């Protein structure tokens, strides 16, 4: 399923809350604040990225986390902490 997802699949959920469920830490909510598609073609789709805001401080390390949303199947995606903004910690996922 992960390889078929596109920026359009996530665009309608911008502003929604997602749950990040680490295997060794308590789960926490984040908000999807950005969905960006690039002009770079990937093997199956255009590359895109997601940015989520929320979570613990200090941030969790980069790795694969279970990400859940009420209208989507739970997915395992690689998240990278990219630092806080004025409202909280941010994590990015890049899809190629």
PDB file of N, CA and C in Angstrom:
ATOM      1  N   UNK A   1       0.810  -1.187   0.000  1.00  0.00           N
ATOM      2  CA  UNK A   1       0.000   0.000   0.000  1.00  0.00           C
ATOM      3  C   UNK A   1       0.859   1.259   0.000  1.00  0.00           C
ATOM      4  N   UNK A   2       1.911   1.296   0.785  1.00  0.00           N
ATOM      5  CA  UNK A   2       2.749   2.478   0.929  1.00  0.00           C
ATOM      6  C   UNK A   2       3.276   2.977  -0.411  1.00  0.00           C
ATOM      7  N   UNK A   3       3.642   2.051  -1.282  1.00  0.00           N
ATOM      8  CA  UNK A   3       4.212   2.429  -2.572  1.00  0.00           C
ATOM      9  C   UNK A   3       3.186   3.055  -3.513  1.00  0.00           C
ATOM     10  N   UNK A   4       1.902   2.915  -3.221  1.00  0.00           N
ATOM     11  CA  UNK A   4       0.859   3.484  -4.079  1.00  0.00           C
ATOM     12  C   UNK A   4       0.353   4.837  -3.614  1.00  0.00           C
ATOM     13  N   UNK A   5       0.709   5.255  -2.407  1.00  0.00           N
ATOM     14  CA  UNK A   5       0.216   6.525  -1.872  1.00  0.00           C
ATOM     15  C   UNK A   5       0.825   7.702  -2.624  1.00  0.00           C
ATOM     16  N   UNK A   6       0.038   8.770  -2.779  1.00  0.00           N
ATOM     17  CA  UNK A   6       0.488   9.982  -3.454  1.00  0.00           C
ATOM     18  C   UNK A   6       0.201  11.195  -2.562  1.00  0.00           C
ATOM     19  N   UNK A   7       0.713  12.340  -2.977  1.00  0.00           N
ATOM     20  CA  UNK A   7       0.434  13.577  -2.245  1.00  0.00           C
ATOM     21  C   UNK A   7      -1.065  13.832  -2.182  1.00  0.00           C
ATOM     22  N   UNK A   8      -1.781  13.522  -3.255  1.00  0.00           N
ATOM     23  CA  UNK A   8      -3.232  13.734  -3.281  1.00  0.00           C
ATOM     24  C   UNK A   8      -3.943  12.892  -2.224  1.00  0.00           C
ATOM     25  N   UNK A   9      -3.433  11.716  -1.937  1.00  0.00           N
ATOM     26  CA  UNK A   9      -4.041  10.865  -0.908  1.00  0.00           C
ATOM     27  C   UNK A   9      -3.990  11.524   0.464  1.00  0.00           C
ATOM     28  N   UNK A  10      -2.961  12.339   0.712  1.00  0.00           N
ATOM     29  CA  UNK A  10      -2.802  12.990   2.010  1.00  0.00           C
ATOM     30  C   UNK A  10      -3.322  14.424   2.024  1.00  0.00           C
ATOM     31  N   UNK A  11      -3.424  15.060   0.864  1.00  0.00           N
ATOM     32  CA  UNK A  11      -3.811  16.466   0.802  1.00  0.00           C
ATOM     33  C   UNK A  11      -5.114  16.781   1.509  1.00  0.00           C
ATOM     34  N   UNK A  12      -6.078  15.906   1.407  1.00  0.00           N
ATOM     35  CA  UNK A  12      -7.379  16.162   2.051  1.00  0.00           C
ATOM     36  C   UNK A  12      -7.325  16.037   3.563  1.00  0.00           C
ATOM     37  N   UNK A  13      -6.219  15.499   4.096  1.00  0.00           N
ATOM     38  CA  UNK A  13      -6.086  15.338   5.543  1.00  0.00           C
ATOM     39  C   UNK A  13      -5.212  16.414   6.175  1.00  0.00           C
ATOM     40  N   UNK A  14      -4.800  17.399   5.387  1.00  0.00           N
ATOM     41  CA  UNK A  14      -4.012  18.505   5.958  1.00  0.00           C
ATOM     42  C   UNK A  14      -4.856  19.177   7.034  1.00  0.00           C
ATOM     43  N   UNK A  15      -4.254  19.406   8.187  1.00  0.00           N
ATOM     44  CA  UNK A  15      -4.969  19.974   9.326  1.00  0.00           C
ATOM     45  C   UNK A  15      -5.565  18.930  10.247  1.00  0.00           C
ATOM     46  N   UNK A  16      -5.595  17.671   9.822  1.00  0.00           N
ATOM     47  CA  UNK A  16      -6.125  16.589  10.655  1.00  0.00           C
ATOM     48  C   UNK A  16      -5.086  16.116  11.663  1.00  0.00           C
ATOM     49  N   UNK A  17      -5.595  15.438  12.693  1.00  0.00           N
ATOM     50  CA  UNK A  17      -4.742  14.838  13.719  1.00  0.00           C
ATOM     51  C   UNK A  17      -4.438  13.396  13.338  1.00  0.00           C
ATOM     52  N   UNK A  18      -3.188  13.012  13.527  1.00  0.00           N
ATOM     53  CA  UNK A  18      -2.718  11.645  13.321  1.00  0.00           C
ATOM     54  C   UNK A  18      -2.120  11.175  14.639  1.00  0.00           C
ATOM     55  N   UNK A  19      -2.038   9.878  14.803  1.00  0.00           N
ATOM     56  CA  UNK A  19      -1.428   9.294  15.991  1.00  0.00           C
ATOM     57  C   UNK A  19      -0.137   8.613  15.585  1.00  0.00           C
ATOM     58  N   UNK A  20       0.943   8.974  16.245  1.00  0.00           N
ATOM     59  CA  UNK A  20       2.217   8.284  16.040  1.00  0.00           C
ATOM     60  C   UNK A  20       2.391   7.343  17.228  1.00  0.00           C
ATOM     61  N   UNK A  21       2.585   6.070  16.910  1.00  0.00           N
ATOM     62  CA  UNK A  21       2.625   5.038  17.942  1.00  0.00           C
ATOM     63  C   UNK A  21       3.980   4.347  17.949  1.00  0.00           C
ATOM     64  N   UNK A  22       4.959   4.927  18.659  1.00  0.00           N
ATOM     65  CA  UNK A  22       6.260   4.262  18.772  1.00  0.00           C
ATOM     66  C   UNK A  22       6.119   2.940  19.523  1.00  0.00           C
ATOM     67  N   UNK A  23       6.992   2.012  19.227  1.00  0.00           N
ATOM     68  CA  UNK A  23       6.902   0.709  19.891  1.00  0.00           C
ATOM     69  C   UNK A  23       7.371   0.762  21.340  1.00  0.00           C
ATOM     70  N   UNK A  24       8.236   1.723  21.680  1.00  0.00           N
ATOM     71  CA  UNK A  24       8.807   1.752  23.032  1.00  0.00           C
ATOM     72  C   UNK A  24       8.449   3.000  23.825  1.00  0.00           C
ATOM     73  N   UNK A  25       7.696   3.909  23.240  1.00  0.00           N
ATOM     74  CA  UNK A  25       7.315   5.160  23.893  1.00  0.00           C
ATOM     75  C   UNK A  25       5.796   5.299  23.852  1.00  0.00           C
ATOM     76  N   UNK A  26       5.234   6.183  24.674  1.00  0.00           N
ATOM     77  CA  UNK A  26       3.789   6.417  24.583  1.00  0.00           C
ATOM     78  C   UNK A  26       3.406   7.029  23.237  1.00  0.00           C
ATOM     79  N   UNK A  27       2.243   6.666  22.728  1.00  0.00           N
ATOM     80  CA  UNK A  27       1.736   7.244  21.478  1.00  0.00           C
ATOM     81  C   UNK A  27       1.434   8.720  21.704  1.00  0.00           C
ATOM     82  N   UNK A  28       1.497   9.513  20.633  1.00  0.00           N
ATOM     83  CA  UNK A  28       1.195  10.936  20.731  1.00  0.00           C
ATOM     84  C   UNK A  28       0.548  11.427  19.443  1.00  0.00           C
ATOM     85  N   UNK A  29      -0.223  12.498  19.573  1.00  0.00           N
ATOM     86  CA  UNK A  29      -0.904  13.087  18.426  1.00  0.00           C
ATOM     87  C   UNK A  29      -0.040  14.139  17.761  1.00  0.00           C
ATOM     88  N   UNK A  30      -0.184  14.217  16.444  1.00  0.00           N
ATOM     89  CA  UNK A  30       0.460  15.253  15.642  1.00  0.00           C
ATOM     90  C   UNK A  30      -0.574  15.769  14.645  1.00  0.00           C
ATOM     91  N   UNK A  31      -0.314  16.941  14.107  1.00  0.00           N
ATOM     92  CA  UNK A  31      -1.155  17.520  13.064  1.00  0.00           C
ATOM     93  C   UNK A  31      -0.398  17.485  11.750  1.00  0.00           C
ATOM     94  N   UNK A  32      -1.049  17.075  10.692  1.00  0.00           N
ATOM     95  CA  UNK A  32      -0.445  17.130   9.359  1.00  0.00           C
ATOM     96  C   UNK A  32      -0.522  18.583   8.897  1.00  0.00           C
ATOM     97  N   UNK A  33       0.633  19.254   8.807  1.00  0.00           N
ATOM     98  CA  UNK A  33       0.631  20.686   8.492  1.00  0.00           C
ATOM     99  C   UNK A  33       1.082  20.990   7.074  1.00  0.00           C
ATOM    100  N   UNK A  34       1.703  20.029   6.398  1.00  0.00           N
ATOM    101  CA  UNK A  34       2.196  20.312   5.047  1.00  0.00           C
ATOM    102  C   UNK A  34       2.220  19.046   4.203  1.00  0.00           C
ATOM    103  N   UNK A  35       1.769  19.181   2.971  1.00  0.00           N
ATOM    104  CA  UNK A  35       1.871  18.128   1.965  1.00  0.00           C
ATOM    105  C   UNK A  35       2.471  18.799   0.741  1.00  0.00           C
ATOM    106  N   UNK A  36       3.680  18.394   0.353  1.00  0.00           N
ATOM    107  CA  UNK A  36       4.393  19.045  -0.760  1.00  0.00           C
ATOM    108  C   UNK A  36       4.789  18.018  -1.799  1.00  0.00           C
ATOM    109  N   UNK A  37       4.401  18.271  -3.039  1.00  0.00           N
ATOM    110  CA  UNK A  37       4.787  17.405  -4.148  1.00  0.00           C
ATOM    111  C   UNK A  37       5.890  18.095  -4.941  1.00  0.00           C
ATOM    112  N   UNK A  38       6.886  17.337  -5.366  1.00  0.00           N
ATOM    113  CA  UNK A  38       7.958  17.903  -6.179  1.00  0.00           C
ATOM    114  C   UNK A  38       7.707  17.584  -7.642  1.00  0.00           C
ATOM    115  N   UNK A  39       8.508  18.172  -8.502  1.00  0.00           N
ATOM    116  CA  UNK A  39       8.428  17.862  -9.927  1.00  0.00           C
ATOM    117  C   UNK A  39       9.272  16.648 -10.289  1.00  0.00           C
ATOM    118  N   UNK A  40      10.001  16.125  -9.307  1.00  0.00           N
ATOM    119  CA  UNK A  40      10.884  14.986  -9.556  1.00  0.00           C
ATOM    120  C   UNK A  40      10.073  13.696  -9.644  1.00  0.00           C
ATOM    121  N   UNK A  41      10.174  13.008 -10.764  1.00  0.00           N
ATOM    122  CA  UNK A  41       9.451  11.741 -10.861  1.00  0.00           C
ATOM    123  C   UNK A  41      10.166  10.651 -10.072  1.00  0.00           C
ATOM    124  N   UNK A  42       9.392   9.834  -9.422  1.00  0.00           N
ATOM    125  CA  UNK A  42       9.930   8.643  -8.790  1.00  0.00           C
ATOM    126  C   UNK A  42       9.641   7.471  -9.700  1.00  0.00           C
ATOM    127  N   UNK A  43       9.947   6.264  -9.279  1.00  0.00           N
ATOM    128  CA  UNK A  43       9.690   5.101 -10.124  1.00  0.00           C
ATOM    129  C   UNK A  43       8.208   4.850 -10.373  1.00  0.00           C
ATOM    130  N   UNK A  44       7.341   5.255  -9.431  1.00  0.00           N
ATOM    131  CA  UNK A  44       5.911   4.977  -9.554  1.00  0.00           C
ATOM    132  C   UNK A  44       5.065   6.249  -9.483  1.00  0.00           C
ATOM    133  N   UNK A  45       5.566   7.280  -8.827  1.00  0.00           N
ATOM    134  CA  UNK A  45       4.799   8.501  -8.575  1.00  0.00           C
ATOM    135  C   UNK A  45       5.751   9.684  -8.454  1.00  0.00           C
ATOM    136  N   UNK A  46       5.192  10.893  -8.438  1.00  0.00           N
ATOM    137  CA  UNK A  46       6.009  12.066  -8.146  1.00  0.00           C
ATOM    138  C   UNK A  46       6.425  12.001  -6.681  1.00  0.00           C
ATOM    139  N   UNK A  47       7.634  12.456  -6.392  1.00  0.00           N
ATOM    140  CA  UNK A  47       8.091  12.481  -5.011  1.00  0.00           C
ATOM    141  C   UNK A  47       7.282  13.517  -4.232  1.00  0.00           C
ATOM    142  N   UNK A  48       7.055  13.231  -2.946  1.00  0.00           N
ATOM    143  CA  UNK A  48       6.346  14.185  -2.099  1.00  0.00           C
ATOM    144  C   UNK A  48       6.785  14.031  -0.658  1.00  0.00           C
ATOM    145  N   UNK A  49       6.443  15.035   0.144  1.00  0.00           N
ATOM    146  CA  UNK A  49       6.784  14.963   1.558  1.00  0.00           C
ATOM    147  C   UNK A  49       5.594  15.392   2.403  1.00  0.00           C
ATOM    148  N   UNK A  50       5.598  14.916   3.629  1.00  0.00           N
ATOM    149  CA  UNK A  50       4.611  15.273   4.635  1.00  0.00           C
ATOM    150  C   UNK A  50       5.339  15.871   5.817  1.00  0.00           C
ATOM    151  N   UNK A  51       4.766  16.893   6.429  1.00  0.00           N
ATOM    152  CA  UNK A  51       5.316  17.447   7.660  1.00  0.00           C
ATOM    153  C   UNK A  51       4.218  17.419   8.713  1.00  0.00           C
ATOM    154  N   UNK A  52       4.548  16.817   9.838  1.00  0.00           N
ATOM    155  CA  UNK A  52       3.644  16.728  10.986  1.00  0.00           C
ATOM    156  C   UNK A  52       4.189  17.612  12.105  1.00  0.00           C
ATOM    157  N   UNK A  53       3.282  18.168  12.910  1.00  0.00           N
ATOM    158  CA  UNK A  53       3.707  18.971  14.066  1.00  0.00           C
ATOM    159  C   UNK A  53       3.084  18.393  15.328  1.00  0.00           C
ATOM    160  N   UNK A  54       3.927  18.265  16.365  1.00  0.00           N
ATOM    161  CA  UNK A  54       3.468  17.791  17.662  1.00  0.00           C
ATOM    162  C   UNK A  54       4.473  16.817  18.250  1.00  0.00           C
ATOM    163  N   UNK A  55       4.157  16.326  19.417  1.00  0.00           N
ATOM    164  CA  UNK A  55       4.996  15.305  20.003  1.00  0.00           C
ATOM    165  C   UNK A  55       5.927  15.802  21.086  1.00  0.00           C
ATOM    166  N   UNK A  56       6.727  14.892  21.570  1.00  0.00           N
ATOM    167  CA  UNK A  56       7.556  15.162  22.739  1.00  0.00           C
ATOM    168  C   UNK A  56       8.728  16.102  22.440  1.00  0.00           C
ATOM    169  N   UNK A  57       9.226  16.691  23.510  1.00  0.00           N
ATOM    170  CA  UNK A  57      10.427  17.511  23.454  1.00  0.00           C
ATOM    171  C   UNK A  57      11.328  17.023  24.570  1.00  0.00           C
ATOM    172  N   UNK A  58      12.464  16.458  24.266  1.00  0.00           N
ATOM    173  CA  UNK A  58      13.107  16.391  22.961  1.00  0.00           C
ATOM    174  C   UNK A  58      12.381  15.410  22.031  1.00  0.00           C
ATOM    175  N   UNK A  59      12.574  15.596  20.726  1.00  0.00           N
ATOM    176  CA  UNK A  59      11.874  14.752  19.755  1.00  0.00           C
ATOM    177  C   UNK A  59      12.382  13.314  19.767  1.00  0.00           C
ATOM    178  N   UNK A  60      11.554  12.431  19.243  1.00  0.00           N
ATOM    179  CA  UNK A  60      11.985  11.046  19.063  1.00  0.00           C
ATOM    180  C   UNK A  60      13.006  10.991  17.931  1.00  0.00           C
ATOM    181  N   UNK A  61      13.885   9.996  17.931  1.00  0.00           N
ATOM    182  CA  UNK A  61      14.876   9.880  16.856  1.00  0.00           C
ATOM    183  C   UNK A  61      14.243   9.457  15.532  1.00  0.00           C
ATOM    184  N   UNK A  62      14.977   9.703  14.459  1.00  0.00           N
ATOM    185  CA  UNK A  62      14.474   9.280  13.150  1.00  0.00           C
ATOM    186  C   UNK A  62      14.461   7.762  13.079  1.00  0.00           C
ATOM    187  N   UNK A  63      13.347   7.243  12.572  1.00  0.00           N
ATOM    188  CA  UNK A  63      13.183   5.810  12.340  1.00  0.00           C
ATOM    189  C   UNK A  63      11.780   5.554  11.817  1.00  0.00           C
ATOM    190  N   UNK A  64      11.449   4.313  11.632  1.00  0.00           N
ATOM    191  CA  UNK A  64      10.121   3.941  11.156  1.00  0.00           C
ATOM    192  C   UNK A  64       9.162   3.912  12.346  1.00  0.00           C
ATOM    193  N   UNK A  65       8.015   4.597  12.165  1.00  0.00           N
ATOM    194  CA  UNK A  65       6.979   4.643  13.192  1.00  0.00           C
ATOM    195  C   UNK A  65       5.633   4.264  12.576  1.00  0.00           C
ATOM    196  N   UNK A  66       4.777   3.730  13.408  1.00  0.00           N
ATOM    197  CA  UNK A  66       3.395   3.449  13.003  1.00  0.00           C
ATOM    198  C   UNK A  66       2.627   4.762  13.082  1.00  0.00           C
ATOM    199  N   UNK A  67       1.978   5.131  11.975  1.00  0.00           N
ATOM    200  CA  UNK A  67       1.199   6.369  11.901  1.00  0.00           C
ATOM    201  C   UNK A  67      -0.247   5.986  11.600  1.00  0.00           C
ATOM    202  N   UNK A  68      -1.175   6.500  12.408  1.00  0.00           N
ATOM    203  CA  UNK A  68      -2.574   6.115  12.295  1.00  0.00           C
ATOM    204  C   UNK A  68      -3.461   7.330  12.088  1.00  0.00           C
ATOM    205  N   UNK A  69      -4.519   7.123  11.317  1.00  0.00           N
ATOM    206  CA  UNK A  69      -5.552   8.134  11.086  1.00  0.00           C
ATOM    207  C   UNK A  69      -6.868   7.388  10.951  1.00  0.00           C
ATOM    208  N   UNK A  70      -7.951   7.963  11.447  1.00  0.00           N
ATOM    209  CA  UNK A  70      -9.244   7.288  11.452  1.00  0.00           C
ATOM    210  C   UNK A  70      -9.761   6.870  10.091  1.00  0.00           C
ATOM    211  N   UNK A  71      -9.363   7.576   9.021  1.00  0.00           N
ATOM    212  CA  UNK A  71      -9.873   7.267   7.685  1.00  0.00           C
ATOM    213  C   UNK A  71      -8.864   6.535   6.806  1.00  0.00           C
ATOM    214  N   UNK A  72      -7.674   6.333   7.307  1.00  0.00           N
ATOM    215  CA  UNK A  72      -6.627   5.630   6.555  1.00  0.00           C
ATOM    216  C   UNK A  72      -6.229   4.372   7.301  1.00  0.00           C
ATOM    217  N   UNK A  73      -5.697   3.417   6.578  1.00  0.00           N
ATOM    218  CA  UNK A  73      -5.084   2.281   7.255  1.00  0.00           C
ATOM    219  C   UNK A  73      -3.844   2.775   7.988  1.00  0.00           C
ATOM    220  N   UNK A  74      -3.493   2.119   9.062  1.00  0.00           N
ATOM    221  CA  UNK A  74      -2.245   2.444   9.752  1.00  0.00           C
ATOM    222  C   UNK A  74      -1.092   2.127   8.802  1.00  0.00           C
ATOM    223  N   UNK A  75      -0.107   3.019   8.768  1.00  0.00           N
ATOM    224  CA  UNK A  75       1.053   2.804   7.904  1.00  0.00           C
ATOM    225  C   UNK A  75       2.329   2.971   8.706  1.00  0.00           C
ATOM    226  N   UNK A  76       3.334   2.274   8.285  1.00  0.00           N
ATOM    227  CA  UNK A  76       4.656   2.370   8.892  1.00  0.00           C
ATOM    228  C   UNK A  76       5.494   3.270   7.980  1.00  0.00           C
ATOM    229  N   UNK A  77       5.886   4.445   8.489  1.00  0.00           N
ATOM    230  CA  UNK A  77       6.676   5.361   7.662  1.00  0.00           C
ATOM    231  C   UNK A  77       7.900   5.856   8.421  1.00  0.00           C
ATOM    232  N   UNK A  78       8.926   6.193   7.653  1.00  0.00           N
ATOM    233  CA  UNK A  78      10.169   6.704   8.207  1.00  0.00           C
ATOM    234  C   UNK A  78       9.990   8.190   8.474  1.00  0.00           C
ATOM    235  N   UNK A  79      10.082   8.584   9.739  1.00  0.00           N
ATOM    236  CA  UNK A  79       9.933   9.978  10.142  1.00  0.00           C
ATOM    237  C   UNK A  79      11.261  10.526  10.635  1.00  0.00           C
ATOM    238  N   UNK A  80      11.534  11.770  10.254  1.00  0.00           N
ATOM    239  CA  UNK A  80      12.760  12.460  10.654  1.00  0.00           C
ATOM    240  C   UNK A  80      12.370  13.724  11.413  1.00  0.00           C
ATOM    241  N   UNK A  81      12.878  13.918  12.637  1.00  0.00           N
ATOM    242  CA  UNK A  81      12.606  15.180  13.319  1.00  0.00           C
ATOM    243  C   UNK A  81      13.363  16.297  12.592  1.00  0.00           C
ATOM    244  N   UNK A  82      12.646  17.375  12.260  1.00  0.00           N
ATOM    245  CA  UNK A  82      13.294  18.462  11.517  1.00  0.00           C
ATOM    246  C   UNK A  82      13.347  19.747  12.336  1.00  0.00           C
ATOM    247  N   UNK A  83      13.077  19.638  13.612  1.00  0.00           N
ATOM    248  CA  UNK A  83      13.184  20.788  14.496  1.00  0.00           C
ATOM    249  C   UNK A  83      11.845  21.451  14.739  1.00  0.00           C
ATOM    250  N   UNK A  84      11.798  22.257  15.785  1.00  0.00           N
ATOM    251  CA  UNK A  84      10.542  22.913  16.131  1.00  0.00           C
ATOM    252  C   UNK A  84      10.311  24.167  15.298  1.00  0.00           C
ATOM    253  N   UNK A  85       9.043  24.560  15.201  1.00  0.00           N
ATOM    254  CA  UNK A  85       8.690  25.881  14.715  1.00  0.00           C
ATOM    255  C   UNK A  85       8.046  26.609  15.893  1.00  0.00           C
ATOM    256  N   UNK A  86       7.360  27.695  15.651  1.00  0.00           N
ATOM    257  CA  UNK A  86       6.778  28.481  16.739  1.00  0.00           C
ATOM    258  C   UNK A  86       5.702  27.735  17.518  1.00  0.00           C
ATOM    259  N   UNK A  87       5.153  26.656  16.935  1.00  0.00           N
ATOM    260  CA  UNK A  87       4.050  25.943  17.574  1.00  0.00           C
ATOM    261  C   UNK A  87       4.404  24.554  18.091  1.00  0.00           C
ATOM    262  N   UNK A  88       5.580  24.032  17.771  1.00  0.00           N
ATOM    263  CA  UNK A  88       5.931  22.712  18.277  1.00  0.00           C
ATOM    264  C   UNK A  88       6.919  21.969  17.405  1.00  0.00           C
ATOM    265  N   UNK A  89       7.228  20.755  17.839  1.00  0.00           N
ATOM    266  CA  UNK A  89       8.175  19.890  17.145  1.00  0.00           C
ATOM    267  C   UNK A  89       7.608  19.460  15.801  1.00  0.00           C
ATOM    268  N   UNK A  90       8.489  19.295  14.799  1.00  0.00           N
ATOM    269  CA  UNK A  90       8.040  18.860  13.475  1.00  0.00           C
ATOM    270  C   UNK A  90       8.786  17.596  13.056  1.00  0.00           C
ATOM    271  N   UNK A  91       8.066  16.754  12.320  1.00  0.00           N
ATOM    272  CA  UNK A  91       8.610  15.512  11.752  1.00  0.00           C
ATOM    273  C   UNK A  91       8.275  15.488  10.270  1.00  0.00           C
ATOM    274  N   UNK A  92       9.213  14.983   9.458  1.00  0.00           N
ATOM    275  CA  UNK A  92       8.990  14.913   8.017  1.00  0.00           C
ATOM    276  C   UNK A  92       9.114  13.479   7.520  1.00  0.00           C
ATOM    277  N   UNK A  93       8.266  13.147   6.551  1.00  0.00           N
ATOM    278  CA  UNK A  93       8.340  11.872   5.837  1.00  0.00           C
ATOM    279  C   UNK A  93       8.477  12.197   4.362  1.00  0.00           C
ATOM    280  N   UNK A  94       9.414  11.566   3.689  1.00  0.00           N
ATOM    281  CA  UNK A  94       9.637  11.781   2.261  1.00  0.00           C
ATOM    282  C   UNK A  94       9.320  10.493   1.508  1.00  0.00           C
ATOM    283  N   UNK A  95       8.517  10.612   0.465  1.00  0.00           N
ATOM    284  CA  UNK A  95       8.110   9.479  -0.353  1.00  0.00           C
ATOM    285  C   UNK A  95       8.714   9.650  -1.744  1.00  0.00           C
ATOM    286  N   UNK A  96       9.451   8.631  -2.197  1.00  0.00           N
ATOM    287  CA  UNK A  96      10.083   8.709  -3.512  1.00  0.00           C
ATOM    288  C   UNK A  96       9.426   7.750  -4.489  1.00  0.00           C
TER     289      UNK A  96
END
